[in-house]
Amino acid sequence: FGLIRAITARFPGGDGLLIGPGDDAALLAAPDGRVVATT
């Protein structure tokens, strides 16, 4: 958890990021209603 805190401290938020790191999952806006995903 210390490593997670150190990493996430480097990441700024943004308008589309409604809930960022810290909860069970993040929440991002999806204006189109569809999400393109790749891994």
All heavy atoms as atom14 arrays in JSON, in Angstrom:
{
  "sequence": "FGLIRAITARFPGGDGLLIGPGDDAALLAAPDGRVVATT",
  "atom14_mask": [
    [1, 1, 1, 1, 1, 1, 1, 1, 1, 1, 1, 0, 0, 0],
    [1, 1, 1, 1, 0, 0, 0, 0, 0, 0, 0, 0, 0, 0],
    [1, 1, 1, 1, 1, 1, 1, 1, 0, 0, 0, 0, 0, 0],
    [1, 1, 1, 1, 1, 1, 1, 1, 0, 0, 0, 0, 0, 0],
    [1, 1, 1, 1, 1, 1, 1, 1, 1, 1, 1, 0, 0, 0],
    [1, 1, 1, 1, 1, 0, 0, 0, 0, 0, 0, 0, 0, 0],
    [1, 1, 1, 1, 1, 1, 1, 1, 0, 0, 0, 0, 0, 0],
    [1, 1, 1, 1, 1, 1, 1, 0, 0, 0, 0, 0, 0, 0],
    [1, 1, 1, 1, 1, 0, 0, 0, 0, 0, 0, 0, 0, 0],
    [1, 1, 1, 1, 1, 1, 1, 1, 1, 1, 1, 0, 0, 0],
    [1, 1, 1, 1, 1, 1, 1, 1, 1, 1, 1, 0, 0, 0],
    [1, 1, 1, 1, 1, 1, 1, 0, 0, 0, 0, 0, 0, 0],
    [1, 1, 1, 1, 0, 0, 0, 0, 0, 0, 0, 0, 0, 0],
    [1, 1, 1, 1, 0, 0, 0, 0, 0, 0, 0, 0, 0, 0],
    [1, 1, 1, 1, 1, 1, 1, 1, 0, 0, 0, 0, 0, 0],
    [1, 1, 1, 1, 0, 0, 0, 0, 0, 0, 0, 0, 0, 0],
    [1, 1, 1, 1, 1, 1, 1, 1, 0, 0, 0, 0, 0, 0],
    [1, 1, 1, 1, 1, 1, 1, 1, 0, 0, 0, 0, 0, 0],
    [1, 1, 1, 1, 1, 1, 1, 1, 0, 0, 0, 0, 0, 0],
    [1, 1, 1, 1, 0, 0, 0, 0, 0, 0, 0, 0, 0, 0],
    [1, 1, 1, 1, 1, 1, 1, 0, 0, 0, 0, 0, 0, 0],
    [1, 1, 1, 1, 0, 0, 0, 0, 0, 0, 0, 0, 0, 0],
    [1, 1, 1, 1, 1, 1, 1, 1, 0, 0, 0, 0, 0, 0],
    [1, 1, 1, 1, 1, 1, 1, 1, 0, 0, 0, 0, 0, 0],
    [1, 1, 1, 1, 1, 0, 0, 0, 0, 0, 0, 0, 0, 0],
    [1, 1, 1, 1, 1, 0, 0, 0, 0, 0, 0, 0, 0, 0],
    [1, 1, 1, 1, 1, 1, 1, 1, 0, 0, 0, 0, 0, 0],
    [1, 1, 1, 1, 1, 1, 1, 1, 0, 0, 0, 0, 0, 0],
    [1, 1, 1, 1, 1, 0, 0, 0, 0, 0, 0, 0, 0, 0],
    [1, 1, 1, 1, 1, 0, 0, 0, 0, 0, 0, 0, 0, 0],
    [1, 1, 1, 1, 1, 1, 1, 0, 0, 0, 0, 0, 0, 0],
    [1, 1, 1, 1, 1, 1, 1, 1, 0, 0, 0, 0, 0, 0],
    [1, 1, 1, 1, 0, 0, 0, 0, 0, 0, 0, 0, 0, 0],
    [1, 1, 1, 1, 1, 1, 1, 1, 1, 1, 1, 0, 0, 0],
    [1, 1, 1, 1, 1, 1, 1, 0, 0, 0, 0, 0, 0, 0],
    [1, 1, 1, 1, 1, 1, 1, 0, 0, 0, 0, 0, 0, 0],
    [1, 1, 1, 1, 1, 0, 0, 0, 0, 0, 0, 0, 0, 0],
    [1, 1, 1, 1, 1, 1, 1, 0, 0, 0, 0, 0, 0, 0],
    [1, 1, 1, 1, 1, 1, 1, 0, 0, 0, 0, 0, 0, 0]
  ],
  "atom14_positions": [
    [[0.82, -1.21, 0.0], [0.0, 0.0, 0.0], [0.85, 1.26, 0.0], [0.45, 2.29, -0.56], [-0.97, -0.04, 1.18], [-1.91, -1.21, 1.1], [-1.75, -2.32, 1.92], [-2.94, -1.23, 0.15], [-2.59, -3.42, 1.81], [-3.79, -2.32, 0.05], [-3.61, -3.42, 0.88], [0.0, 0.0, 0.0], [0.0, 0.0, 0.0], [0.0, 0.0, 0.0]],
    [[2.04, 1.16, 0.58], [2.94, 2.29, 0.48], [3.39, 2.52, -0.94], [3.53, 3.66, -1.41], [0.0, 0.0, 0.0], [0.0, 0.0, 0.0], [0.0, 0.0, 0.0], [0.0, 0.0, 0.0], [0.0, 0.0, 0.0], [0.0, 0.0, 0.0], [0.0, 0.0, 0.0], [0.0, 0.0, 0.0], [0.0, 0.0, 0.0], [0.0, 0.0, 0.0]],
    [[3.62, 1.4, -1.68], [4.02, 1.51, -3.08], [2.89, 2.11, -3.91], [3.12, 2.98, -4.76], [4.4, 0.13, -3.62], [4.87, 0.08, -5.07], [6.1, 0.94, -5.29], [5.12, -1.37, -5.51], [0.0, 0.0, 0.0], [0.0, 0.0, 0.0], [0.0, 0.0, 0.0], [0.0, 0.0, 0.0], [0.0, 0.0, 0.0], [0.0, 0.0, 0.0]],
    [[1.65, 1.67, -3.64], [0.51, 2.23, -4.36], [0.4, 3.73, -4.12], [0.18, 4.52, -5.05], [-0.79, 1.52, -3.96], [-0.79, 0.08, -4.49], [-2.02, 2.28, -4.47], [-1.95, -0.77, -3.99], [0.0, 0.0, 0.0], [0.0, 0.0, 0.0], [0.0, 0.0, 0.0], [0.0, 0.0, 0.0], [0.0, 0.0, 0.0], [0.0, 0.0, 0.0]],
    [[0.56, 4.16, -2.88], [0.48, 5.6, -2.58], [1.58, 6.37, -3.3], [1.35, 7.47, -3.82], [0.56, 5.82, -1.06], [-0.7, 5.43, -0.31], [-0.67, 5.93, 1.13], [0.4, 5.29, 1.9], [0.24, 4.16, 2.58], [-0.93, 3.53, 2.57], [1.24, 3.64, 3.28], [0.0, 0.0, 0.0], [0.0, 0.0, 0.0], [0.0, 0.0, 0.0]],
    [[2.78, 5.8, -3.31], [3.9, 6.48, -3.98], [3.67, 6.62, -5.47], [3.99, 7.65, -6.08], [5.21, 5.73, -3.7], [0.0, 0.0, 0.0], [0.0, 0.0, 0.0], [0.0, 0.0, 0.0], [0.0, 0.0, 0.0], [0.0, 0.0, 0.0], [0.0, 0.0, 0.0], [0.0, 0.0, 0.0], [0.0, 0.0, 0.0], [0.0, 0.0, 0.0]],
    [[3.09, 5.58, -6.08], [2.83, 5.62, -7.52], [1.71, 6.6, -7.84], [1.85, 7.47, -8.71], [2.47, 4.21, -8.04], [3.69, 3.28, -7.96], [1.96, 4.29, -9.48], [3.36, 1.82, -8.27], [0.0, 0.0, 0.0], [0.0, 0.0, 0.0], [0.0, 0.0, 0.0], [0.0, 0.0, 0.0], [0.0, 0.0, 0.0], [0.0, 0.0, 0.0]],
    [[0.59, 6.47, -7.15], [-0.58, 7.29, -7.5], [-0.35, 8.77, -7.22], [-1.01, 9.62, -7.82], [-1.83, 6.81, -6.76], [-1.59, 6.79, -5.35], [-2.2, 5.4, -7.23], [0.0, 0.0, 0.0], [0.0, 0.0, 0.0], [0.0, 0.0, 0.0], [0.0, 0.0, 0.0], [0.0, 0.0, 0.0], [0.0, 0.0, 0.0], [0.0, 0.0, 0.0]],
    [[0.59, 9.08, -6.34], [0.91, 10.49, -6.09], [1.49, 11.17, -7.33], [1.49, 12.4, -7.41], [1.89, 10.6, -4.92], [0.0, 0.0, 0.0], [0.0, 0.0, 0.0], [0.0, 0.0, 0.0], [0.0, 0.0, 0.0], [0.0, 0.0, 0.0], [0.0, 0.0, 0.0], [0.0, 0.0, 0.0], [0.0, 0.0, 0.0], [0.0, 0.0, 0.0]],
    [[1.98, 10.37, -8.3], [2.56, 10.95, -9.52], [1.5, 11.26, -10.57], [1.8, 11.86, -11.59], [3.57, 9.97, -10.16], [4.44, 9.2, -9.2], [5.47, 10.06, -8.54], [6.66, 10.25, -9.35], [7.85, 10.58, -8.81], [7.97, 10.75, -7.49], [8.89, 10.79, -9.59], [0.0, 0.0, 0.0], [0.0, 0.0, 0.0], [0.0, 0.0, 0.0]],
    [[0.25, 10.81, -10.34], [-0.76, 10.91, -11.38], [-1.75, 12.03, -11.1], [-2.44, 12.02, -10.08], [-1.55, 9.58, -11.49], [-0.7, 8.39, -11.8], [-1.08, 7.13, -11.36], [0.47, 8.5, -12.54], [-0.32, 6.0, -11.65], [1.25, 7.39, -12.83], [0.85, 6.14, -12.38], [0.0, 0.0, 0.0], [0.0, 0.0, 0.0], [0.0, 0.0, 0.0]],
    [[-1.86, 13.0, -12.0], [-2.86, 14.05, -11.83], [-4.24, 13.52, -12.2], [-4.38, 12.5, -12.88], [-2.41, 15.12, -12.83], [-1.72, 14.35, -13.92], [-1.06, 13.19, -13.22], [0.0, 0.0, 0.0], [0.0, 0.0, 0.0], [0.0, 0.0, 0.0], [0.0, 0.0, 0.0], [0.0, 0.0, 0.0], [0.0, 0.0, 0.0], [0.0, 0.0, 0.0]],
    [[-5.27, 14.21, -11.76], [-6.63, 13.87, -12.15], [-6.96, 14.48, -13.5], [-6.1, 14.96, -14.23], [0.0, 0.0, 0.0], [0.0, 0.0, 0.0], [0.0, 0.0, 0.0], [0.0, 0.0, 0.0], [0.0, 0.0, 0.0], [0.0, 0.0, 0.0], [0.0, 0.0, 0.0], [0.0, 0.0, 0.0], [0.0, 0.0, 0.0], [0.0, 0.0, 0.0]],
    [[-8.23, 14.47, -13.83], [-8.68, 15.05, -15.09], [-10.18, 15.16, -15.08], [-10.87, 14.56, -14.25], [0.0, 0.0, 0.0], [0.0, 0.0, 0.0], [0.0, 0.0, 0.0], [0.0, 0.0, 0.0], [0.0, 0.0, 0.0], [0.0, 0.0, 0.0], [0.0, 0.0, 0.0], [0.0, 0.0, 0.0], [0.0, 0.0, 0.0], [0.0, 0.0, 0.0]],
    [[-10.72, 15.93, -16.04], [-12.16, 16.17, -16.07], [-12.96, 14.88, -16.22], [-14.05, 14.77, -15.69], [-12.5, 17.12, -17.23], [-11.95, 18.52, -17.01], [-11.66, 18.85, -15.85], [-11.8, 19.25, -18.0], [0.0, 0.0, 0.0], [0.0, 0.0, 0.0], [0.0, 0.0, 0.0], [0.0, 0.0, 0.0], [0.0, 0.0, 0.0], [0.0, 0.0, 0.0]],
    [[-12.43, 13.92, -16.94], [-13.17, 12.69, -17.17], [-13.05, 11.67, -16.06], [-13.73, 10.65, -16.08], [0.0, 0.0, 0.0], [0.0, 0.0, 0.0], [0.0, 0.0, 0.0], [0.0, 0.0, 0.0], [0.0, 0.0, 0.0], [0.0, 0.0, 0.0], [0.0, 0.0, 0.0], [0.0, 0.0, 0.0], [0.0, 0.0, 0.0], [0.0, 0.0, 0.0]],
    [[-12.17, 11.93, -15.09], [-11.97, 10.99, -13.98], [-12.86, 11.41, -12.82], [-12.55, 12.36, -12.09], [-10.49, 10.99, -13.56], [-10.1, 9.99, -12.48], [-10.37, 8.56, -12.93], [-8.63, 10.15, -12.1], [0.0, 0.0, 0.0], [0.0, 0.0, 0.0], [0.0, 0.0, 0.0], [0.0, 0.0, 0.0], [0.0, 0.0, 0.0], [0.0, 0.0, 0.0]],
    [[-13.97, 10.71, -12.64], [-14.95, 11.07, -11.61], [-14.55, 10.53, -10.24], [-14.77, 11.18, -9.23], [-16.33, 10.57, -12.02], [-16.8, 11.0, -13.43], [-18.17, 10.43, -13.72], [-16.79, 12.52, -13.55], [0.0, 0.0, 0.0], [0.0, 0.0, 0.0], [0.0, 0.0, 0.0], [0.0, 0.0, 0.0], [0.0, 0.0, 0.0], [0.0, 0.0, 0.0]],
    [[-14.01, 9.32, -10.21], [-13.47, 8.74, -8.98], [-12.14, 8.09, -9.35], [-12.09, 7.21, -10.22], [-14.4, 7.68, -8.36], [-15.74, 8.31, -7.98], [-13.74, 7.05, -7.14], [-16.75, 7.3, -7.45], [0.0, 0.0, 0.0], [0.0, 0.0, 0.0], [0.0, 0.0, 0.0], [0.0, 0.0, 0.0], [0.0, 0.0, 0.0], [0.0, 0.0, 0.0]],
    [[-11.07, 8.52, -8.72], [-9.75, 8.0, -9.03], [-9.3, 6.94, -8.05], [-10.13, 6.32, -7.36], [0.0, 0.0, 0.0], [0.0, 0.0, 0.0], [0.0, 0.0, 0.0], [0.0, 0.0, 0.0], [0.0, 0.0, 0.0], [0.0, 0.0, 0.0], [0.0, 0.0, 0.0], [0.0, 0.0, 0.0], [0.0, 0.0, 0.0], [0.0, 0.0, 0.0]],
    [[-8.0, 6.69, -7.95], [-7.48, 5.65, -7.06], [-7.91, 5.88, -5.62], [-8.0, 7.01, -5.14], [-5.96, 5.8, -7.21], [-5.77, 6.42, -8.56], [-6.93, 7.36, -8.73], [0.0, 0.0, 0.0], [0.0, 0.0, 0.0], [0.0, 0.0, 0.0], [0.0, 0.0, 0.0], [0.0, 0.0, 0.0], [0.0, 0.0, 0.0], [0.0, 0.0, 0.0]],
    [[-8.19, 4.76, -4.92], [-8.54, 4.85, -3.51], [-9.79, 4.07, -3.16], [-10.0, 3.71, -2.0], [0.0, 0.0, 0.0], [0.0, 0.0, 0.0], [0.0, 0.0, 0.0], [0.0, 0.0, 0.0], [0.0, 0.0, 0.0], [0.0, 0.0, 0.0], [0.0, 0.0, 0.0], [0.0, 0.0, 0.0], [0.0, 0.0, 0.0], [0.0, 0.0, 0.0]],
    [[-10.66, 3.83, -4.13], [-11.85, 3.01, -3.91], [-11.65, 1.64, -4.55], [-10.62, 1.34, -5.13], [-13.08, 3.71, -4.49], [-13.59, 4.81, -3.56], [-13.1, 5.94, -3.66], [-14.48, 4.51, -2.73], [0.0, 0.0, 0.0], [0.0, 0.0, 0.0], [0.0, 0.0, 0.0], [0.0, 0.0, 0.0], [0.0, 0.0, 0.0], [0.0, 0.0, 0.0]],
    [[-12.68, 0.79, -4.46], [-12.57, -0.54, -5.05], [-12.43, -0.49, -6.56], [-11.88, -1.41, -7.17], [-13.81, -1.37, -4.69], [-13.77, -1.86, -3.25], [-12.73, -1.66, -2.6], [-14.76, -2.43, -2.79], [0.0, 0.0, 0.0], [0.0, 0.0, 0.0], [0.0, 0.0, 0.0], [0.0, 0.0, 0.0], [0.0, 0.0, 0.0], [0.0, 0.0, 0.0]],
    [[-12.94, 0.55, -7.18], [-12.84, 0.72, -8.62], [-12.88, 2.2, -8.94], [-13.34, 3.02, -8.14], [-13.96, -0.01, -9.35], [0.0, 0.0, 0.0], [0.0, 0.0, 0.0], [0.0, 0.0, 0.0], [0.0, 0.0, 0.0], [0.0, 0.0, 0.0], [0.0, 0.0, 0.0], [0.0, 0.0, 0.0], [0.0, 0.0, 0.0], [0.0, 0.0, 0.0]],
    [[-12.39, 2.55, -10.09], [-12.42, 3.94, -10.54], [-13.72, 4.19, -11.31], [-14.43, 3.26, -11.71], [-11.22, 4.23, -11.43], [0.0, 0.0, 0.0], [0.0, 0.0, 0.0], [0.0, 0.0, 0.0], [0.0, 0.0, 0.0], [0.0, 0.0, 0.0], [0.0, 0.0, 0.0], [0.0, 0.0, 0.0], [0.0, 0.0, 0.0], [0.0, 0.0, 0.0]],
    [[-14.01, 5.46, -11.53], [-15.19, 5.85, -12.3], [-14.78, 6.92, -13.3], [-14.27, 7.97, -12.92], [-16.3, 6.39, -11.38], [-17.61, 6.8, -12.05], [-18.29, 5.59, -12.68], [-18.54, 7.47, -11.05], [0.0, 0.0, 0.0], [0.0, 0.0, 0.0], [0.0, 0.0, 0.0], [0.0, 0.0, 0.0], [0.0, 0.0, 0.0], [0.0, 0.0, 0.0]],
    [[-14.97, 6.61, -14.58], [-14.64, 7.55, -15.64], [-15.9, 7.9, -16.42], [-16.79, 7.06, -16.6], [-13.61, 6.97, -16.62], [-12.17, 6.86, -16.12], [-11.96, 5.54, -15.4], [-11.19, 6.98, -17.28], [0.0, 0.0, 0.0], [0.0, 0.0, 0.0], [0.0, 0.0, 0.0], [0.0, 0.0, 0.0], [0.0, 0.0, 0.0], [0.0, 0.0, 0.0]],
    [[-15.97, 9.12, -16.9], [-17.08, 9.53, -17.75], [-16.98, 8.8, -19.09], [-15.88, 8.54, -19.59], [-17.04, 11.04, -17.97], [0.0, 0.0, 0.0], [0.0, 0.0, 0.0], [0.0, 0.0, 0.0], [0.0, 0.0, 0.0], [0.0, 0.0, 0.0], [0.0, 0.0, 0.0], [0.0, 0.0, 0.0], [0.0, 0.0, 0.0], [0.0, 0.0, 0.0]],
    [[-18.13, 8.5, -19.67], [-18.19, 7.86, -20.99], [-19.24, 8.61, -21.81], [-20.36, 8.14, -21.99], [-18.54, 6.39, -20.87], [0.0, 0.0, 0.0], [0.0, 0.0, 0.0], [0.0, 0.0, 0.0], [0.0, 0.0, 0.0], [0.0, 0.0, 0.0], [0.0, 0.0, 0.0], [0.0, 0.0, 0.0], [0.0, 0.0, 0.0], [0.0, 0.0, 0.0]],
    [[-18.88, 9.8, -22.3], [-19.87, 10.66, -22.98], [-20.57, 9.98, -24.15], [-21.75, 10.22, -24.4], [-19.03, 11.85, -23.47], [-17.84, 11.87, -22.57], [-17.56, 10.44, -22.24], [0.0, 0.0, 0.0], [0.0, 0.0, 0.0], [0.0, 0.0, 0.0], [0.0, 0.0, 0.0], [0.0, 0.0, 0.0], [0.0, 0.0, 0.0], [0.0, 0.0, 0.0]],
    [[-19.88, 9.11, -24.86], [-20.45, 8.46, -26.03], [-21.46, 7.37, -25.66], [-22.29, 6.99, -26.47], [-19.32, 7.86, -26.87], [-19.81, 7.14, -28.11], [-20.07, 7.82, -29.13], [-19.95, 5.9, -28.06], [0.0, 0.0, 0.0], [0.0, 0.0, 0.0], [0.0, 0.0, 0.0], [0.0, 0.0, 0.0], [0.0, 0.0, 0.0], [0.0, 0.0, 0.0]],
    [[-21.34, 6.84, -24.44], [-22.17, 5.72, -24.04], [-21.58, 4.38, -24.42], [-22.12, 3.33, -24.06], [0.0, 0.0, 0.0], [0.0, 0.0, 0.0], [0.0, 0.0, 0.0], [0.0, 0.0, 0.0], [0.0, 0.0, 0.0], [0.0, 0.0, 0.0], [0.0, 0.0, 0.0], [0.0, 0.0, 0.0], [0.0, 0.0, 0.0], [0.0, 0.0, 0.0]],
    [[-20.5, 4.38, -25.17], [-19.75, 3.18, -25.51], [-18.3, 3.39, -25.08], [-17.82, 4.52, -25.08], [-19.79, 2.91, -27.02], [-21.18, 2.68, -27.6], [-21.15, 2.71, -29.11], [-20.77, 4.03, -29.62], [-20.53, 4.28, -30.92], [-20.61, 3.31, -31.81], [-20.21, 5.5, -31.3], [0.0, 0.0, 0.0], [0.0, 0.0, 0.0], [0.0, 0.0, 0.0]],
    [[-17.62, 2.32, -24.71], [-16.23, 2.41, -24.27], [-15.36, 1.5, -25.12], [-15.64, 0.31, -25.24], [-16.08, 2.03, -22.78], [-14.62, 2.05, -22.37], [-16.89, 2.97, -21.89], [0.0, 0.0, 0.0], [0.0, 0.0, 0.0], [0.0, 0.0, 0.0], [0.0, 0.0, 0.0], [0.0, 0.0, 0.0], [0.0, 0.0, 0.0], [0.0, 0.0, 0.0]],
    [[-14.32, 2.06, -25.72], [-13.31, 1.27, -26.4], [-12.31, 0.8, -25.35], [-11.87, 1.6, -24.52], [-12.59, 2.11, -27.48], [-11.41, 1.35, -28.06], [-13.57, 2.49, -28.58], [0.0, 0.0, 0.0], [0.0, 0.0, 0.0], [0.0, 0.0, 0.0], [0.0, 0.0, 0.0], [0.0, 0.0, 0.0], [0.0, 0.0, 0.0], [0.0, 0.0, 0.0]],
    [[-11.97, -0.47, -25.35], [-11.06, -1.02, -24.34], [-10.03, -1.93, -25.0], [-10.34, -2.68, -25.93], [-11.84, -1.81, -23.3], [0.0, 0.0, 0.0], [0.0, 0.0, 0.0], [0.0, 0.0, 0.0], [0.0, 0.0, 0.0], [0.0, 0.0, 0.0], [0.0, 0.0, 0.0], [0.0, 0.0, 0.0], [0.0, 0.0, 0.0], [0.0, 0.0, 0.0]],
    [[-8.81, -1.84, -24.53], [-7.72, -2.7, -25.02], [-6.76, -2.97, -23.88], [-6.69, -2.2, -22.92], [-6.99, -2.03, -26.21], [-6.0, -2.93, -26.73], [-6.3, -0.74, -25.78], [0.0, 0.0, 0.0], [0.0, 0.0, 0.0], [0.0, 0.0, 0.0], [0.0, 0.0, 0.0], [0.0, 0.0, 0.0], [0.0, 0.0, 0.0], [0.0, 0.0, 0.0]],
    [[-6.03, -4.06, -23.97], [-5.08, -4.39, -22.9], [-3.84, -5.03, -23.49], [-3.88, -5.64, -24.56], [-5.74, -5.33, -21.87], [-4.91, -5.45, -20.72], [-5.98, -6.71, -22.44], [0.0, 0.0, 0.0], [0.0, 0.0, 0.0], [0.0, 0.0, 0.0], [0.0, 0.0, 0.0], [0.0, 0.0, 0.0], [0.0, 0.0, 0.0], [0.0, 0.0, 0.0]]
  ]
}
